[in-house]
Amino acid sequence: MITLDLTADPVALTAALVDVPSVSGEEARLAGALEAALREQAPHLEVARSGAAVLARTHLGRDRRVLLAGHLDTVPIADNLPSRRDGDRLYGCGTSDMKAGNAVIAHLATTLPAPRHDLTLVFYDCEEIEAARNGLGRIERELPEWLRADLAILGEPTNGAVEAGCQGTLRAEIRTTGRRAHSARSWLGHNAIHRAAPVLERLGRYEPRDVDIDGCVYREGLQAVRIAGGVAGNVVPDECVVTVNFRFAPDRDAAAAEAHVREVFDGFDPVVTDLAPGALPGLAAPAAREFLAATGASPSAKYGWTDVSRFAALGIPALNYGPGDPNLAHTREEHVDVARITEAAEVLRRFLA
């Protein structure tokens, strides 16, 4: 049986969480240890379980509720367990993305029995894989009352910065067709790969927008991320598929993003295969302003999609704030600066105490 000490220094707690492997779909062991620790060490919290997710909350009658969330899962281990300390760095799978954030959240919730805001903790599963398996979606369907809050803070790695909102993401396939022929008699066919040239030309000419929302500048991007075509080395191909990825500012909703892609590729028929809206910064919310004051930092736009989008869809302002470095996420050399863990704990304690 794994025993976690949630009252321990958050750096030590990070190492303990990292040393329990929790690749996506295999979080149950870590979730069980975390649930047991919360029930034993934080009697002021109501604790619940949903699959491999662990939830806890206070009932103090405060005017506002702050939700602190983090995913328990990691990408597959890359010979980087168990954790190891090297000077000011803690190495190991999940250190940065995002067990350091989880450690800070769990430690504060346990050691702050009477915070100034009511707290909800959500440690969820399957964030690193397909959205259909994301534990937040299951919680929203089965335990929606647990996701009600005035502000949500995700412990995603931000290197100690406050990243507001997030970009939306759209993937689409653009298919061109032709006629097969022997490449020695190519004039008898029509090359589908060649017919994809206008798609690439439009991408090459594309000028992305920079969008300033509440002082956060979101930069859009439209890129080809895959080209598939060809049958054999002596056959004129009769089909080619160009996959494009559009990262869009949160002032566009999903419908507007799809309409923009269709406009760019007018004359073709893009087939959308994945679409997730972004999240507006939500910095005007009183609890968000309080948190920014506690950090003393200026917020910046989140480049990339995170689960703040799910909270924004529920009408909850949401921010990304965590001690990990996003540039180290998913790497073999993944690590976290221990000073960032201590700093994050101090900032959140200042906000909540």
Protein backbone atom coordinates (compact mmCIF):
# COMPACT_ATOMS: atom_id res chain seq x y z
CA MET A 1 0.00 0.00 0.00
CA ILE A 2 1.39 3.41 -1.01
CA THR A 3 1.34 6.06 1.71
CA LEU A 4 1.50 9.72 0.74
CA ASP A 5 2.26 12.47 3.24
CA LEU A 6 0.35 15.47 1.92
CA THR A 7 1.69 17.67 4.72
CA ALA A 8 5.28 17.12 3.56
CA ASP A 9 7.24 19.77 1.71
CA PRO A 10 5.72 20.05 -1.79
CA VAL A 11 9.09 19.17 -3.36
CA ALA A 12 9.21 15.88 -1.47
CA LEU A 13 5.53 15.28 -2.25
CA THR A 14 6.21 15.86 -5.95
CA ALA A 15 8.87 13.14 -5.89
CA ALA A 16 6.47 10.78 -4.11
CA LEU A 17 3.76 11.36 -6.73
CA VAL A 18 6.22 10.90 -9.58
CA ASP A 19 7.40 7.59 -8.14
CA VAL A 20 3.91 6.13 -8.56
CA PRO A 21 3.64 5.44 -12.33
CA SER A 22 0.37 6.73 -13.79
CA VAL A 23 0.48 6.51 -17.56
CA SER A 24 -2.89 7.41 -19.10
CA GLY A 25 -5.39 4.66 -18.32
CA GLU A 26 -3.26 3.38 -15.42
CA GLU A 27 -3.93 6.07 -12.81
CA ALA A 28 -5.97 3.92 -10.37
CA ARG A 29 -3.02 3.12 -8.07
CA LEU A 30 -2.06 6.77 -7.65
CA ALA A 31 -5.69 7.84 -7.35
CA GLY A 32 -6.23 5.29 -4.57
CA ALA A 33 -3.20 6.53 -2.63
CA LEU A 34 -4.26 10.15 -3.02
CA GLU A 35 -7.84 9.40 -1.97
CA ALA A 36 -6.68 7.53 1.13
CA ALA A 37 -4.29 10.35 2.09
CA LEU A 38 -6.97 13.02 1.71
CA ARG A 39 -9.47 11.06 3.79
CA GLU A 40 -6.93 10.48 6.57
CA GLN A 41 -5.01 13.78 6.59
CA ALA A 42 -7.67 16.32 5.57
CA PRO A 43 -10.79 15.65 7.66
CA HIS A 44 -12.10 19.12 6.77
CA LEU A 45 -12.60 18.00 3.16
CA GLU A 46 -15.46 16.07 1.62
CA VAL A 47 -13.81 13.44 -0.61
CA ALA A 48 -15.32 11.60 -3.57
CA ARG A 49 -14.13 9.25 -6.29
CA SER A 50 -15.07 9.08 -9.98
CA GLY A 51 -13.31 6.30 -11.84
CA ALA A 52 -9.62 7.10 -11.52
CA ALA A 53 -10.34 10.70 -10.50
CA VAL A 54 -10.29 12.03 -6.95
CA LEU A 55 -12.35 15.02 -5.83
CA ALA A 56 -12.40 16.95 -2.56
CA ARG A 57 -14.02 20.16 -1.34
CA THR A 58 -14.66 22.39 1.64
CA HIS A 59 -18.05 23.59 2.87
CA LEU A 60 -17.17 26.76 4.76
CA GLY A 61 -19.92 29.03 3.45
CA ARG A 62 -17.47 31.43 1.80
CA ASP A 63 -18.70 33.97 -0.76
CA ARG A 64 -16.59 32.44 -3.52
CA ARG A 65 -15.39 29.00 -4.52
CA VAL A 66 -12.04 28.35 -6.23
CA LEU A 67 -11.47 25.09 -8.08
CA LEU A 68 -7.90 23.75 -8.30
CA ALA A 69 -7.43 21.02 -10.89
CA GLY A 70 -4.70 18.80 -12.24
CA HIS A 71 -4.48 15.62 -14.27
CA LEU A 72 -2.90 12.56 -12.67
CA ASP A 73 -1.81 10.85 -15.87
CA THR A 74 1.47 11.10 -17.74
CA VAL A 75 2.71 10.16 -21.17
CA PRO A 76 4.48 6.76 -21.45
CA ILE A 77 7.58 6.39 -19.29
CA ALA A 78 10.86 6.97 -21.16
CA ASP A 79 13.42 5.38 -18.83
CA ASN A 80 12.85 8.33 -16.49
CA LEU A 81 11.54 6.67 -13.33
CA PRO A 82 12.06 6.66 -10.41
CA SER A 83 12.54 10.35 -9.76
CA ARG A 84 16.01 11.68 -8.98
CA ARG A 85 17.27 14.93 -7.53
CA ASP A 86 20.23 16.68 -9.15
CA GLY A 87 20.98 19.96 -7.43
CA ASP A 88 18.04 22.30 -7.91
CA ARG A 89 16.28 20.00 -10.35
CA LEU A 90 13.92 17.09 -9.78
CA TYR A 91 13.89 14.69 -12.72
CA GLY A 92 11.28 12.11 -13.66
CA CYS A 93 8.25 11.34 -15.81
CA GLY A 94 5.48 13.78 -14.92
CA THR A 95 7.59 16.11 -12.80
CA SER A 96 6.75 19.07 -15.01
CA ASP A 97 3.48 17.88 -16.57
CA MET A 98 2.03 18.00 -14.01
CA LYS A 99 2.73 16.24 -10.74
CA ALA A 100 4.53 19.26 -9.31
CA GLY A 101 1.29 21.19 -9.75
CA ASN A 102 -0.70 18.36 -8.18
CA ALA A 103 1.66 18.25 -5.21
CA VAL A 104 1.23 21.99 -4.57
CA ILE A 105 -2.57 21.71 -4.80
CA ALA A 106 -2.84 18.67 -2.52
CA HIS A 107 -0.41 20.12 0.04
CA LEU A 108 -2.22 23.45 0.30
CA ALA A 109 -5.68 21.92 0.54
CA THR A 110 -4.48 19.67 3.37
CA THR A 111 -2.57 22.31 5.33
CA LEU A 112 -5.13 25.15 4.92
CA PRO A 113 -8.23 23.96 6.79
CA ALA A 114 -9.83 27.43 6.72
CA PRO A 115 -8.98 29.16 3.42
CA ARG A 116 -10.52 32.52 2.54
CA HIS A 117 -12.42 30.90 -0.35
CA ASP A 118 -14.18 27.57 -0.41
CA LEU A 119 -12.02 25.10 -2.32
CA THR A 120 -12.72 22.26 -4.72
CA LEU A 121 -9.92 19.92 -5.80
CA VAL A 122 -10.18 17.84 -8.96
CA PHE A 123 -7.44 15.33 -9.71
CA TYR A 124 -8.52 13.66 -12.94
CA ASP A 125 -7.48 10.97 -15.38
CA CYS A 126 -6.72 10.53 -19.10
CA GLU A 127 -5.86 14.11 -20.04
CA GLU A 128 -2.94 13.09 -22.25
CA ILE A 129 -4.98 10.93 -24.64
CA GLU A 130 -8.13 11.25 -26.73
CA ALA A 131 -10.63 13.79 -25.44
CA ALA A 132 -13.43 11.23 -25.24
CA ARG A 133 -11.65 9.53 -22.30
CA ASN A 134 -10.80 12.73 -20.41
CA GLY A 135 -11.93 12.37 -16.81
CA LEU A 136 -13.30 15.90 -16.68
CA GLY A 137 -15.88 14.96 -19.28
CA ARG A 138 -17.04 12.03 -17.15
CA ILE A 139 -17.19 14.22 -14.03
CA GLU A 140 -19.20 16.84 -15.91
CA ARG A 141 -21.71 14.18 -16.94
CA GLU A 142 -21.94 12.30 -13.65
CA LEU A 143 -21.06 14.84 -10.91
CA PRO A 144 -21.68 18.27 -12.46
CA GLU A 145 -22.16 19.96 -9.08
CA TRP A 146 -18.47 19.32 -8.31
CA LEU A 147 -17.42 21.60 -11.16
CA ARG A 148 -19.24 24.73 -9.96
CA ALA A 149 -16.86 27.54 -9.01
CA ASP A 150 -16.11 31.23 -9.40
CA LEU A 151 -12.58 30.56 -10.68
CA ALA A 152 -10.71 27.50 -11.88
CA ILE A 153 -6.91 27.27 -11.73
CA LEU A 154 -5.26 24.42 -13.60
CA GLY A 155 -1.79 23.40 -12.47
CA GLU A 156 -0.60 22.94 -16.05
CA PRO A 157 3.09 23.75 -16.51
CA THR A 158 3.58 27.49 -17.11
CA ASN A 159 7.03 27.97 -15.55
CA GLY A 160 5.42 30.04 -12.81
CA ALA A 161 3.67 32.43 -15.19
CA VAL A 162 -0.06 33.04 -15.36
CA GLU A 163 -1.40 31.98 -18.74
CA ALA A 164 -4.94 33.09 -19.38
CA GLY A 165 -7.48 31.29 -21.53
CA CYS A 166 -6.22 29.14 -24.36
CA GLN A 167 -6.26 28.76 -28.13
CA GLY A 168 -8.79 26.61 -29.88
CA THR A 169 -7.68 23.84 -32.21
CA LEU A 170 -9.16 22.44 -35.41
CA ARG A 171 -7.87 19.65 -37.62
CA ALA A 172 -9.24 19.04 -41.08
CA GLU A 173 -8.45 16.82 -44.05
CA ILE A 174 -8.42 18.24 -47.57
CA ARG A 175 -8.66 15.52 -50.17
CA THR A 176 -7.72 15.75 -53.84
CA THR A 177 -8.41 13.01 -56.37
CA GLY A 178 -7.03 12.03 -59.76
CA ARG A 179 -6.72 9.03 -62.03
CA ARG A 180 -4.28 6.18 -61.64
CA ALA A 181 -1.89 5.29 -64.40
CA HIS A 182 1.49 3.65 -64.88
CA SER A 183 4.14 6.31 -64.24
CA ALA A 184 5.81 5.31 -67.53
CA ARG A 185 2.61 6.48 -69.27
CA SER A 186 1.79 9.32 -66.89
CA TRP A 187 -0.15 11.27 -69.52
CA LEU A 188 -2.90 8.69 -69.17
CA GLY A 189 -3.49 9.66 -65.53
CA HIS A 190 -4.09 12.69 -63.33
CA ASN A 191 -1.77 13.11 -60.36
CA ALA A 192 -3.71 13.77 -57.12
CA ILE A 193 -0.58 14.93 -55.30
CA HIS A 194 0.05 17.59 -57.93
CA ARG A 195 -3.55 18.71 -57.56
CA ALA A 196 -2.84 19.41 -53.89
CA ALA A 197 -0.38 22.15 -54.84
CA PRO A 198 -2.97 24.96 -54.50
CA VAL A 199 -3.63 23.84 -50.93
CA LEU A 200 0.06 24.25 -50.06
CA GLU A 201 0.26 27.54 -51.93
CA ARG A 202 -2.58 28.97 -49.86
CA LEU A 203 -0.90 27.81 -46.67
CA GLY A 204 2.35 29.45 -47.79
CA ARG A 205 0.58 32.77 -48.37
CA TYR A 206 -1.49 32.59 -45.19
CA GLU A 207 -1.06 35.52 -42.79
CA PRO A 208 -2.14 34.68 -39.22
CA ARG A 209 -3.89 37.14 -36.93
CA ASP A 210 -2.52 38.50 -33.68
CA VAL A 211 -5.48 39.11 -31.38
CA ASP A 212 -5.25 41.17 -28.17
CA ILE A 213 -7.87 40.15 -25.59
CA ASP A 214 -7.64 41.75 -22.14
CA GLY A 215 -3.95 42.48 -22.74
CA CYS A 216 -3.19 38.88 -23.74
CA VAL A 217 -2.02 38.49 -27.33
CA TYR A 218 -3.08 35.26 -29.02
CA ARG A 219 -1.33 34.43 -32.29
CA GLU A 220 -3.16 32.20 -34.69
CA GLY A 221 -1.57 29.64 -36.99
CA LEU A 222 -2.63 27.45 -39.90
CA GLN A 223 -0.24 24.68 -40.85
CA ALA A 224 -0.10 21.51 -42.89
CA VAL A 225 0.80 18.75 -40.43
CA ARG A 226 0.57 15.71 -42.68
CA ILE A 227 0.42 14.77 -46.37
CA ALA A 228 -0.56 11.27 -47.44
CA GLY A 229 -0.65 10.04 -51.02
CA GLY A 230 0.87 7.55 -53.38
CA VAL A 231 0.38 3.87 -54.05
CA ALA A 232 3.70 2.62 -55.37
CA GLY A 233 6.88 3.90 -56.94
CA ASN A 234 5.57 3.36 -60.46
CA VAL A 235 1.95 4.51 -60.11
CA VAL A 236 0.45 7.94 -60.68
CA PRO A 237 -1.53 8.48 -57.43
CA ASP A 238 -5.27 8.97 -57.61
CA GLU A 239 -5.69 10.33 -54.06
CA CYS A 240 -3.89 12.77 -51.75
CA VAL A 241 -4.91 13.99 -48.30
CA VAL A 242 -3.47 17.12 -46.71
CA THR A 243 -4.16 17.42 -42.97
CA VAL A 244 -4.15 20.96 -41.63
CA ASN A 245 -4.20 22.24 -38.05
CA PHE A 246 -5.71 25.62 -37.24
CA ARG A 247 -4.84 27.13 -33.84
CA PHE A 248 -7.27 29.98 -33.34
CA ALA A 249 -7.75 32.82 -30.88
CA PRO A 250 -10.61 32.45 -28.39
CA ASP A 251 -12.56 35.33 -29.91
CA ARG A 252 -13.62 32.79 -32.56
CA ASP A 253 -16.03 30.07 -31.52
CA ALA A 254 -15.94 26.62 -33.10
CA ALA A 255 -18.34 27.54 -35.89
CA ALA A 256 -16.34 30.65 -36.80
CA ALA A 257 -13.11 28.67 -36.85
CA GLU A 258 -14.58 26.08 -39.21
CA ALA A 259 -16.02 28.81 -41.44
CA HIS A 260 -12.59 30.45 -41.65
CA VAL A 261 -10.90 27.23 -42.72
CA ARG A 262 -13.55 26.67 -45.38
CA GLU A 263 -13.02 30.22 -46.63
CA VAL A 264 -9.25 29.74 -46.88
CA PHE A 265 -9.72 26.52 -48.85
CA ASP A 266 -12.65 27.67 -50.96
CA GLY A 267 -13.13 25.28 -53.86
CA PHE A 268 -12.09 22.29 -51.77
CA ASP A 269 -14.14 20.39 -49.21
CA PRO A 270 -12.31 20.29 -45.85
CA VAL A 271 -13.51 17.50 -43.57
CA VAL A 272 -13.15 18.47 -39.91
CA THR A 273 -11.76 15.58 -37.87
CA ASP A 274 -11.15 17.32 -34.54
CA LEU A 275 -12.41 20.62 -33.11
CA ALA A 276 -12.12 22.09 -29.63
CA PRO A 277 -12.93 25.73 -28.86
CA GLY A 278 -10.56 27.97 -26.94
CA ALA A 279 -11.19 29.88 -23.74
CA LEU A 280 -11.38 33.62 -23.18
CA PRO A 281 -9.03 35.00 -20.49
CA GLY A 282 -11.78 35.74 -17.97
CA LEU A 283 -9.54 38.21 -16.16
CA ALA A 284 -12.40 40.51 -15.17
CA ALA A 285 -13.76 38.00 -12.65
CA PRO A 286 -13.15 39.21 -9.07
CA ALA A 287 -11.46 35.97 -8.00
CA ALA A 288 -9.18 36.12 -11.03
CA ARG A 289 -8.17 39.68 -10.19
CA GLU A 290 -7.39 38.60 -6.62
CA PHE A 291 -5.21 35.77 -7.86
CA LEU A 292 -3.29 38.05 -10.22
CA ALA A 293 -2.68 40.44 -7.36
CA ALA A 294 -1.30 37.57 -5.28
CA THR A 295 1.11 36.55 -8.04
CA GLY A 296 2.22 40.08 -8.90
CA ALA A 297 2.53 38.86 -12.49
CA SER A 298 1.14 40.11 -15.77
CA PRO A 299 -0.89 37.39 -17.51
CA SER A 300 -0.03 36.18 -20.98
CA ALA A 301 -1.94 34.22 -23.60
CA LYS A 302 -1.85 30.43 -23.47
CA TYR A 303 -0.47 29.05 -26.73
CA GLY A 304 -2.01 25.64 -27.04
CA TRP A 305 -5.23 24.02 -25.85
CA THR A 306 -5.82 23.04 -22.24
CA ASP A 307 -8.77 21.98 -20.15
CA VAL A 308 -9.45 25.59 -19.19
CA SER A 309 -11.62 25.40 -22.31
CA ARG A 310 -13.92 22.93 -20.55
CA PHE A 311 -14.38 25.29 -17.62
CA ALA A 312 -14.91 28.29 -19.88
CA ALA A 313 -17.69 26.34 -21.62
CA LEU A 314 -19.33 26.01 -18.20
CA GLY A 315 -19.10 29.76 -17.68
CA ILE A 316 -16.21 29.52 -15.19
CA PRO A 317 -13.22 31.86 -15.64
CA ALA A 318 -10.11 29.69 -15.78
CA LEU A 319 -6.34 30.22 -15.69
CA ASN A 320 -3.26 28.05 -16.16
CA TYR A 321 -0.67 28.32 -13.39
CA GLY A 322 1.90 25.70 -12.48
CA PRO A 323 5.56 25.27 -11.51
CA GLY A 324 6.50 22.99 -14.41
CA ASP A 325 8.19 24.06 -17.64
CA PRO A 326 5.96 23.36 -20.68
CA ASN A 327 9.03 23.02 -22.90
CA LEU A 328 10.12 19.98 -20.87
CA ALA A 329 6.76 18.21 -20.90
CA HIS A 330 6.81 14.75 -22.51
CA THR A 331 10.62 14.69 -22.88
CA ARG A 332 13.05 12.06 -21.64
CA GLU A 333 14.84 14.74 -19.65
CA GLU A 334 11.63 16.06 -18.06
CA HIS A 335 12.35 17.85 -14.82
CA VAL A 336 11.16 20.70 -12.63
CA ASP A 337 13.09 23.44 -10.86
CA VAL A 338 12.42 22.85 -7.16
CA ALA A 339 12.42 26.60 -6.52
CA ARG A 340 9.41 26.87 -8.86
CA ILE A 341 7.52 24.34 -6.73
CA THR A 342 8.23 26.32 -3.56
CA GLU A 343 7.29 29.58 -5.27
CA ALA A 344 3.99 28.19 -6.58
CA ALA A 345 3.08 26.94 -3.12
CA GLU A 346 3.85 30.36 -1.62
CA VAL A 347 1.83 32.23 -4.25
CA LEU A 348 -1.23 30.02 -3.89
CA ARG A 349 -0.99 30.12 -0.10
CA ARG A 350 -0.88 33.93 -0.25
CA PHE A 351 -4.00 33.89 -2.44
CA LEU A 352 -5.93 31.40 -0.34
CA ALA A 353 -4.82 32.02 3.24
